[in-house]
Protein backbone atom coordinates (compact mmCIF):
# COMPACT_ATOMS: atom_id res chain seq x y z
CA MET A 1 135.18 136.44 171.40
CA SER A 2 132.33 134.66 173.10
CA ASN A 3 131.05 131.24 171.95
CA LYS A 4 127.79 132.81 170.83
CA ASN A 5 129.56 135.26 168.56
CA GLN A 6 131.71 132.46 167.11
CA GLN A 7 128.57 130.41 166.30
CA ASN A 8 127.01 133.42 164.59
CA VAL A 9 130.13 133.95 162.48
CA VAL A 10 130.19 130.26 161.48
CA LYS A 11 126.49 130.36 160.64
CA VAL A 12 126.88 133.48 158.51
CA SER A 13 129.88 131.95 156.75
CA LYS A 14 127.94 128.73 156.07
CA ASN A 15 124.99 130.61 154.68
CA THR A 16 127.29 132.67 152.50
CA THR A 17 128.96 129.50 151.19
CA GLU A 18 125.61 127.83 150.43
CA THR A 19 124.38 130.96 148.67
CA ALA A 20 127.55 131.09 146.62
CA LEU A 21 127.21 127.41 145.68
CA LYS A 22 123.58 127.87 144.69
CA SER A 23 124.47 130.90 142.60
CA SER A 24 127.29 128.96 140.98
CA ALA A 25 124.96 126.01 140.28
CA GLU A 26 122.32 128.30 138.79
CA LEU A 27 124.95 130.00 136.67
CA SER A 28 126.28 126.60 135.51
CA LYS A 29 122.77 125.47 134.61
CA LYS A 30 122.16 128.64 132.62
CA ARG A 31 125.46 128.25 130.81
CA LEU A 32 124.71 124.57 130.16
CA SER A 33 121.27 125.52 128.85
CA ARG A 34 122.76 128.08 126.49
CA ILE A 35 125.39 125.60 125.31
CA THR A 36 122.89 122.80 124.69
CA LYS A 37 120.79 125.12 122.55
CA THR A 38 123.60 125.80 120.12
CA ARG A 39 123.66 123.94 116.81
CA HIS A 40 127.30 122.95 117.26
CA HIS A 41 126.54 121.30 120.58
CA ARG A 42 123.58 119.37 119.16
CA VAL A 43 125.70 118.07 116.29
CA ARG A 44 128.51 117.08 118.64
CA THR A 45 126.06 115.36 121.02
CA THR A 46 124.50 113.42 118.14
CA ARG A 47 127.93 112.26 117.00
CA ARG A 48 128.75 111.08 120.50
CA VAL A 49 125.41 109.28 120.80
CA PHE A 50 126.05 107.37 117.57
CA ARG A 51 129.62 106.61 118.57
CA TYR A 52 128.58 105.28 121.99
CA GLY A 53 125.77 103.27 120.37
CA PHE A 54 128.20 101.67 117.92
CA LYS A 55 130.64 100.85 120.72
CA SER A 56 127.86 99.22 122.74
CA PHE A 57 126.81 97.25 119.65
CA MET A 58 130.36 95.92 119.25
CA ARG A 59 130.79 95.32 122.98
CA ASN A 60 127.76 93.02 123.49
CA THR A 61 128.76 90.52 120.81
CA TRP A 62 126.68 87.48 121.73
CA LEU A 63 123.63 89.47 122.69
CA SER A 64 123.91 91.32 119.38
CA VAL A 65 124.17 88.04 117.46
CA ALA A 66 121.02 86.67 119.11
CA ALA A 67 119.04 89.84 118.43
CA ILE A 68 120.22 90.03 114.81
CA ALA A 69 119.43 86.34 114.21
CA ILE A 70 115.80 86.57 115.32
CA MET A 71 115.29 89.84 113.43
CA THR A 72 116.76 88.21 110.30
CA VAL A 73 114.31 85.31 110.61
CA THR A 74 111.46 87.80 110.94
CA LEU A 75 112.46 89.71 107.80
CA VAL A 76 113.07 86.51 105.80
CA VAL A 77 109.63 85.12 106.72
CA LEU A 78 107.99 88.41 105.78
CA SER A 79 109.89 88.52 102.47
CA ALA A 80 109.04 84.88 101.71
CA THR A 81 105.34 85.60 102.30
CA ILE A 82 105.36 88.52 99.88
CA ILE A 83 107.31 86.53 97.27
CA ALA A 84 105.01 83.49 97.56
CA THR A 85 101.92 85.69 97.22
CA ASN A 86 103.37 87.46 94.19
CA ALA A 87 104.42 84.14 92.59
CA MET A 88 100.93 82.68 93.02
CA GLY A 89 99.48 85.85 91.55
CA SER A 90 101.71 85.38 88.48
CA ALA A 91 100.53 81.77 88.18
CA ILE A 92 96.90 82.86 88.28
CA LYS A 93 97.49 85.48 85.57
CA LYS A 94 99.12 82.87 83.32
CA ILE A 95 96.17 80.52 83.72
CA GLU A 96 93.63 83.31 83.25
CA ALA A 97 95.30 84.25 79.96
CA LYS A 98 94.54 80.76 78.63
CA VAL A 99 90.94 80.46 79.81
CA ASP A 100 87.97 81.23 77.56
CA MET A 101 84.32 81.49 78.50
CA SER A 102 82.25 79.96 75.68
CA ILE A 103 78.75 80.90 74.55
CA TYR A 104 77.10 78.54 72.05
CA ILE A 105 74.79 80.00 69.38
CA LYS A 106 72.38 77.99 67.22
CA GLN A 107 73.84 76.68 63.98
CA THR A 108 71.11 78.43 62.03
CA ALA A 109 72.36 81.91 63.03
CA THR A 110 73.79 84.05 60.24
CA LYS A 111 77.30 85.50 60.21
CA ASP A 112 75.90 89.03 60.52
CA GLN A 113 74.00 88.06 63.65
CA ILE A 114 77.15 86.56 65.16
CA ARG A 115 79.15 89.69 64.35
CA GLN A 116 76.50 91.84 66.01
CA ILE A 117 76.60 89.69 69.17
CA VAL A 118 80.41 89.77 69.23
CA SER A 119 80.39 93.56 68.80
CA ARG A 120 78.02 94.01 71.75
CA ILE A 121 80.04 91.65 73.96
CA ARG A 122 83.22 93.64 73.25
CA GLN A 123 81.56 96.70 74.81
CA LEU A 124 81.22 94.98 78.20
CA PRO A 125 83.76 96.44 80.72
CA SER A 126 84.63 93.00 82.12
CA VAL A 127 85.61 91.59 78.70
CA ALA A 128 89.24 91.54 77.53
CA SER A 129 88.77 89.98 74.06
CA VAL A 130 86.21 88.10 71.94
CA SER A 131 86.49 85.67 69.03
CA TYR A 132 84.14 83.22 67.33
CA VAL A 133 84.35 79.87 65.58
CA SER A 134 82.00 78.89 62.74
CA PRO A 135 80.13 75.55 62.83
CA GLU A 136 82.20 74.28 59.88
CA LYS A 137 85.55 75.02 61.49
CA GLY A 138 84.31 73.83 64.88
CA ASN A 139 83.20 70.54 63.31
CA GLN A 140 86.55 70.00 61.58
CA ASP A 141 88.46 70.83 64.77
CA THR A 142 86.31 68.39 66.75
CA ILE A 143 86.84 65.57 64.23
CA THR A 144 90.58 66.21 64.04
CA LYS A 145 90.88 66.11 67.84
CA MET A 146 88.82 62.91 67.96
CA ILE A 147 91.09 61.26 65.37
CA GLU A 148 94.23 62.30 67.24
CA ASP A 149 92.95 61.27 70.67
CA SER A 150 91.62 57.91 69.44
CA LYS A 151 94.61 57.35 67.12
CA ILE A 152 92.33 56.44 64.19
CA THR A 153 94.24 55.52 61.04
CA ASP A 154 91.55 53.86 58.95
CA GLN A 155 90.81 56.29 56.08
CA ASN A 156 87.26 54.98 55.61
CA ILE A 157 86.38 55.81 59.21
CA ILE A 158 88.00 59.23 58.89
CA LYS A 159 86.05 59.88 55.68
CA SER A 160 82.81 58.82 57.34
CA LEU A 161 83.43 61.14 60.25
CA ARG A 162 84.07 64.10 57.98
CA GLU A 163 80.95 63.36 55.89
CA ALA A 164 78.68 63.00 58.91
CA PRO A 165 76.04 65.74 59.47
CA ASN A 166 77.45 68.78 61.20
CA LYS A 167 75.78 69.38 64.56
CA VAL A 168 78.34 71.81 66.01
CA PRO A 169 76.92 75.28 66.89
CA TRP A 170 78.57 78.67 66.55
CA THR A 171 81.02 79.20 69.41
CA ILE A 172 81.82 82.63 70.84
CA ASN A 173 84.96 82.58 72.99
CA VAL A 174 85.26 85.35 75.58
CA LYS A 175 88.32 86.22 77.67
CA LEU A 176 87.52 88.16 80.86
CA ASN A 177 89.74 90.61 82.72
CA ASN A 178 88.93 88.70 85.90
CA LEU A 179 87.56 85.17 85.86
CA ASN A 180 85.69 85.81 89.09
CA GLU A 181 83.62 88.54 87.41
CA THR A 182 81.35 86.46 85.17
CA GLN A 183 78.01 87.93 86.20
CA GLU A 184 78.06 90.65 83.55
CA LEU A 185 78.54 88.07 80.79
CA VAL A 186 75.83 85.84 82.27
CA ASN A 187 73.39 88.75 82.33
CA PHE A 188 74.23 89.58 78.71
CA ALA A 189 73.63 86.01 77.50
CA GLU A 190 70.33 85.77 79.34
CA ASN A 191 68.86 89.24 78.84
CA ASP A 192 70.42 91.08 75.87
CA SER A 193 68.09 91.70 72.93
CA SER A 194 70.62 90.30 70.44
CA MET A 195 70.57 86.95 72.28
CA VAL A 196 66.80 86.34 72.19
CA GLY A 197 66.21 82.85 70.75
CA MET A 198 69.88 82.53 69.76
CA LEU A 199 71.32 80.29 72.48
CA ASP A 200 72.01 76.66 71.59
CA ALA A 201 70.80 73.84 73.77
CA ARG A 202 74.36 73.41 75.03
CA ASP A 203 74.90 75.41 78.23
CA PRO A 204 77.48 78.24 78.14
CA SER A 205 80.79 77.34 79.83
CA TYR A 206 81.04 80.12 82.40
CA THR A 207 82.91 77.72 84.65
CA GLY A 208 85.23 74.84 84.07
CA GLY A 209 88.35 72.98 85.13
CA ASN A 210 90.65 75.95 84.58
CA LYS A 211 88.51 78.27 86.65
CA GLU A 212 88.38 75.69 89.42
CA ALA A 213 92.18 75.53 89.31
CA ILE A 214 92.37 79.32 89.52
CA ASP A 215 89.97 79.39 92.46
CA ALA A 216 92.08 76.73 94.20
CA ILE A 217 95.30 78.70 93.64
CA ALA A 218 93.63 81.90 94.85
CA SER A 219 92.43 80.08 97.96
CA TYR A 220 95.94 78.74 98.64
CA MET A 221 97.36 82.20 98.02
CA ARG A 222 95.09 83.71 100.67
CA ARG A 223 96.04 80.96 103.11
CA VAL A 224 99.76 81.36 102.47
CA GLU A 225 99.44 85.11 102.85
CA LEU A 226 97.57 84.82 106.17
CA ILE A 227 99.91 82.13 107.53
CA GLY A 228 103.00 84.03 106.40
CA LEU A 229 101.84 87.34 107.85
CA GLY A 230 100.86 85.58 111.07
CA ALA A 231 104.27 83.91 111.32
CA ALA A 232 106.02 87.20 110.55
CA ALA A 233 103.98 88.94 113.26
CA ILE A 234 104.90 86.24 115.80
CA PHE A 235 108.59 86.47 114.94
CA ALA A 236 108.36 90.28 115.07
CA VAL A 237 107.02 90.07 118.64
CA ILE A 238 109.79 87.62 119.54
CA ALA A 239 112.37 89.94 117.96
CA ILE A 240 111.03 92.89 119.96
CA LEU A 241 111.28 90.86 123.19
CA VAL A 242 114.83 89.71 122.39
CA VAL A 243 116.03 93.20 121.53
CA PHE A 244 114.16 94.55 124.57
CA ASN A 245 116.05 92.16 126.86
CA THR A 246 119.34 92.92 125.09
CA ILE A 247 118.91 96.65 125.68
CA ARG A 248 117.84 95.98 129.26
CA MET A 249 121.07 94.04 129.90
CA ALA A 250 123.07 96.90 128.36
CA ILE A 251 121.30 99.38 130.64
CA PHE A 252 122.06 97.28 133.73
CA ASN A 253 125.72 96.93 132.72
CA ARG A 254 126.04 100.70 132.41
CA LYS A 255 123.85 101.78 135.33
CA GLU A 256 126.68 103.62 137.16
CA GLU A 257 127.62 105.49 134.00
CA ILE A 258 123.95 106.37 133.41
CA TYR A 259 123.65 107.59 137.03
CA MET A 260 126.61 109.91 136.56
CA MET A 261 125.11 111.25 133.32
CA LYS A 262 121.89 112.07 135.17
CA LEU A 263 123.82 113.89 137.91
CA VAL A 264 125.65 116.16 135.50
CA GLY A 265 122.41 117.00 133.67
CA GLY A 266 122.67 114.75 130.62
CA SER A 267 119.70 115.11 128.26
CA ARG A 268 117.25 112.30 127.53
CA TRP A 269 118.65 111.93 124.02
CA PHE A 270 122.24 111.77 125.27
CA ILE A 271 121.40 109.01 127.79
CA ALA A 272 118.85 106.95 125.85
CA GLY A 273 120.20 107.68 122.36
CA PRO A 274 123.06 105.14 122.35
CA PHE A 275 120.66 102.30 123.20
CA ILE A 276 118.29 103.36 120.40
CA VAL A 277 121.21 103.55 117.97
CA GLU A 278 122.40 100.11 119.10
CA ALA A 279 118.96 98.57 118.52
CA GLY A 280 118.73 100.31 115.14
CA LEU A 281 122.05 98.75 114.13
CA TYR A 282 120.57 95.33 114.85
CA GLY A 283 117.87 96.10 112.28
CA VAL A 284 120.38 97.37 109.71
CA VAL A 285 122.55 94.25 109.90
CA ALA A 286 119.50 91.95 109.92
CA ALA A 287 118.08 93.70 106.83
CA ILE A 288 121.32 93.25 104.88
CA ILE A 289 121.63 89.57 105.84
CA SER A 290 117.95 88.84 105.07
CA PHE A 291 118.22 90.51 101.64
CA ALA A 292 121.28 88.37 100.85
CA ILE A 293 119.41 85.22 101.89
CA VAL A 294 116.30 86.10 99.87
CA TYR A 295 118.26 87.13 96.78
CA LEU A 296 120.51 84.05 96.77
CA THR A 297 117.52 81.75 97.35
CA MET A 298 115.62 83.34 94.48
CA TYR A 299 118.68 83.08 92.26
CA ALA A 300 119.03 79.36 93.07
CA LEU A 301 115.34 78.61 92.40
CA LYS A 302 114.62 80.87 89.43
CA ASN A 303 115.61 78.26 86.84
CA SER A 304 113.63 75.45 88.48
CA PHE A 305 110.50 77.60 88.87
CA SER A 306 111.09 80.15 86.15
CA SER A 307 107.45 80.35 85.08
CA ILE A 308 106.25 81.72 88.42
CA LEU A 309 109.41 83.13 90.06
CA ALA A 310 110.92 84.94 87.06
CA PRO A 311 108.70 88.06 87.34
CA THR A 312 109.38 88.40 91.08
CA TYR A 313 113.12 87.81 90.65
CA SER A 314 113.20 90.41 87.88
CA ILE A 315 111.56 92.96 90.20
CA ILE A 316 114.06 92.23 92.99
CA GLN A 317 116.98 92.43 90.56
CA THR A 318 115.81 95.71 89.02
CA TYR A 319 114.59 97.48 92.15
CA TRP A 320 116.97 95.92 94.70
CA TYR A 321 117.50 99.27 96.41
CA PHE A 322 113.77 99.58 97.15
CA VAL A 323 113.75 96.06 98.58
CA ILE A 324 116.73 96.80 100.83
CA ALA A 325 115.17 100.11 101.86
CA ALA A 326 111.91 98.37 102.82
CA LEU A 327 113.79 95.73 104.84
CA LEU A 328 115.85 98.45 106.53
CA VAL A 329 112.72 100.37 107.51
CA VAL A 330 111.07 97.29 109.02
CA GLY A 331 114.25 96.11 110.77
CA VAL A 332 115.17 99.51 112.20
CA LEU A 333 111.55 100.11 113.25
CA ILE A 334 111.52 96.85 115.22
CA GLY A 335 114.81 97.81 116.89
CA ILE A 336 113.71 101.35 117.76
CA ILE A 337 110.37 100.20 119.20
CA SER A 338 112.20 97.67 121.41
CA ALA A 339 114.76 100.24 122.55
CA LEU A 340 112.11 102.87 123.35
CA LEU A 341 110.17 100.37 125.45
CA ALA A 342 113.32 99.30 127.33
CA THR A 343 114.66 102.81 127.95
CA ARG A 344 111.27 104.09 129.03
CA LYS A 345 110.89 101.31 131.58
CA TYR A 346 114.41 101.08 132.99
CA LEU A 347 115.99 104.53 132.55
CA LYS A 348 113.02 106.40 134.05
CA LEU A 349 114.06 109.69 132.51
CA LYS A 350 112.03 112.79 133.35
């Protein structure tokens, strides 16, 4: 056989081999596609993804510890902010329950007129409750307080005080639903028909020391809330960066394994899934640790600050599963976001 014929035979054989390989590859891809679409395969793949993610989580011990630590700090700061805000809110409610707005009516007003005014005030939406004090009782209460504060023991002086002319007006005490909403009461006192010519010379006490204290606490509450949320946001960014770098190191350590997975047609979920599961586990562990820290801290402080922490501690104790669930959602979300950013940048899956 001539050399030319031999070359033709070799060429035909080579083409036949390439065609057979291509057909085999196409057939394998079709089979793989059919397999991957089955429910059993998806379940098995998901199990493997979670298993590989857990192994990677256990393998990178120190990196895992660093990521969990910063995520724990983030969740604790966020929890502390919410607790502090809620505690200050409880303090404000306690003070508001003790504060009255006082309207002073001329001593010459009749009891029927006072009852009419009280009845009209009760109809205001901003009013929680109304009571009144007669001039006689108000005078006796004032004298009694004066005697107690000045520690007067001389009976002649006490008798003189009680026999002195009564100049105390009628006092209408009003509790509001919200101490910051006084305008409705002010408008009533100044414009309502039942109040025409009835106000005493003494100005109504729409403001006072207690309201100033409430305004101060509310101002501090807003500041604490803003500072706490700002700090939590900063730590959240730091946590994302730490987890991002942790996942990046894991990707670099397994780059040959990832390359082989790509060659054999591994899906995006099968390749990137373990890293997402690993980052999610960081959030799960951090959530559990942060809940333990918050709960134990609240338990240690609840007796010392029972008046303001007791309601919040009661909520945590009763609805602990909601608290853990919320921490888990935030922690896992931080981990998943970090993992998605890392896998998108360094795996370059199509």
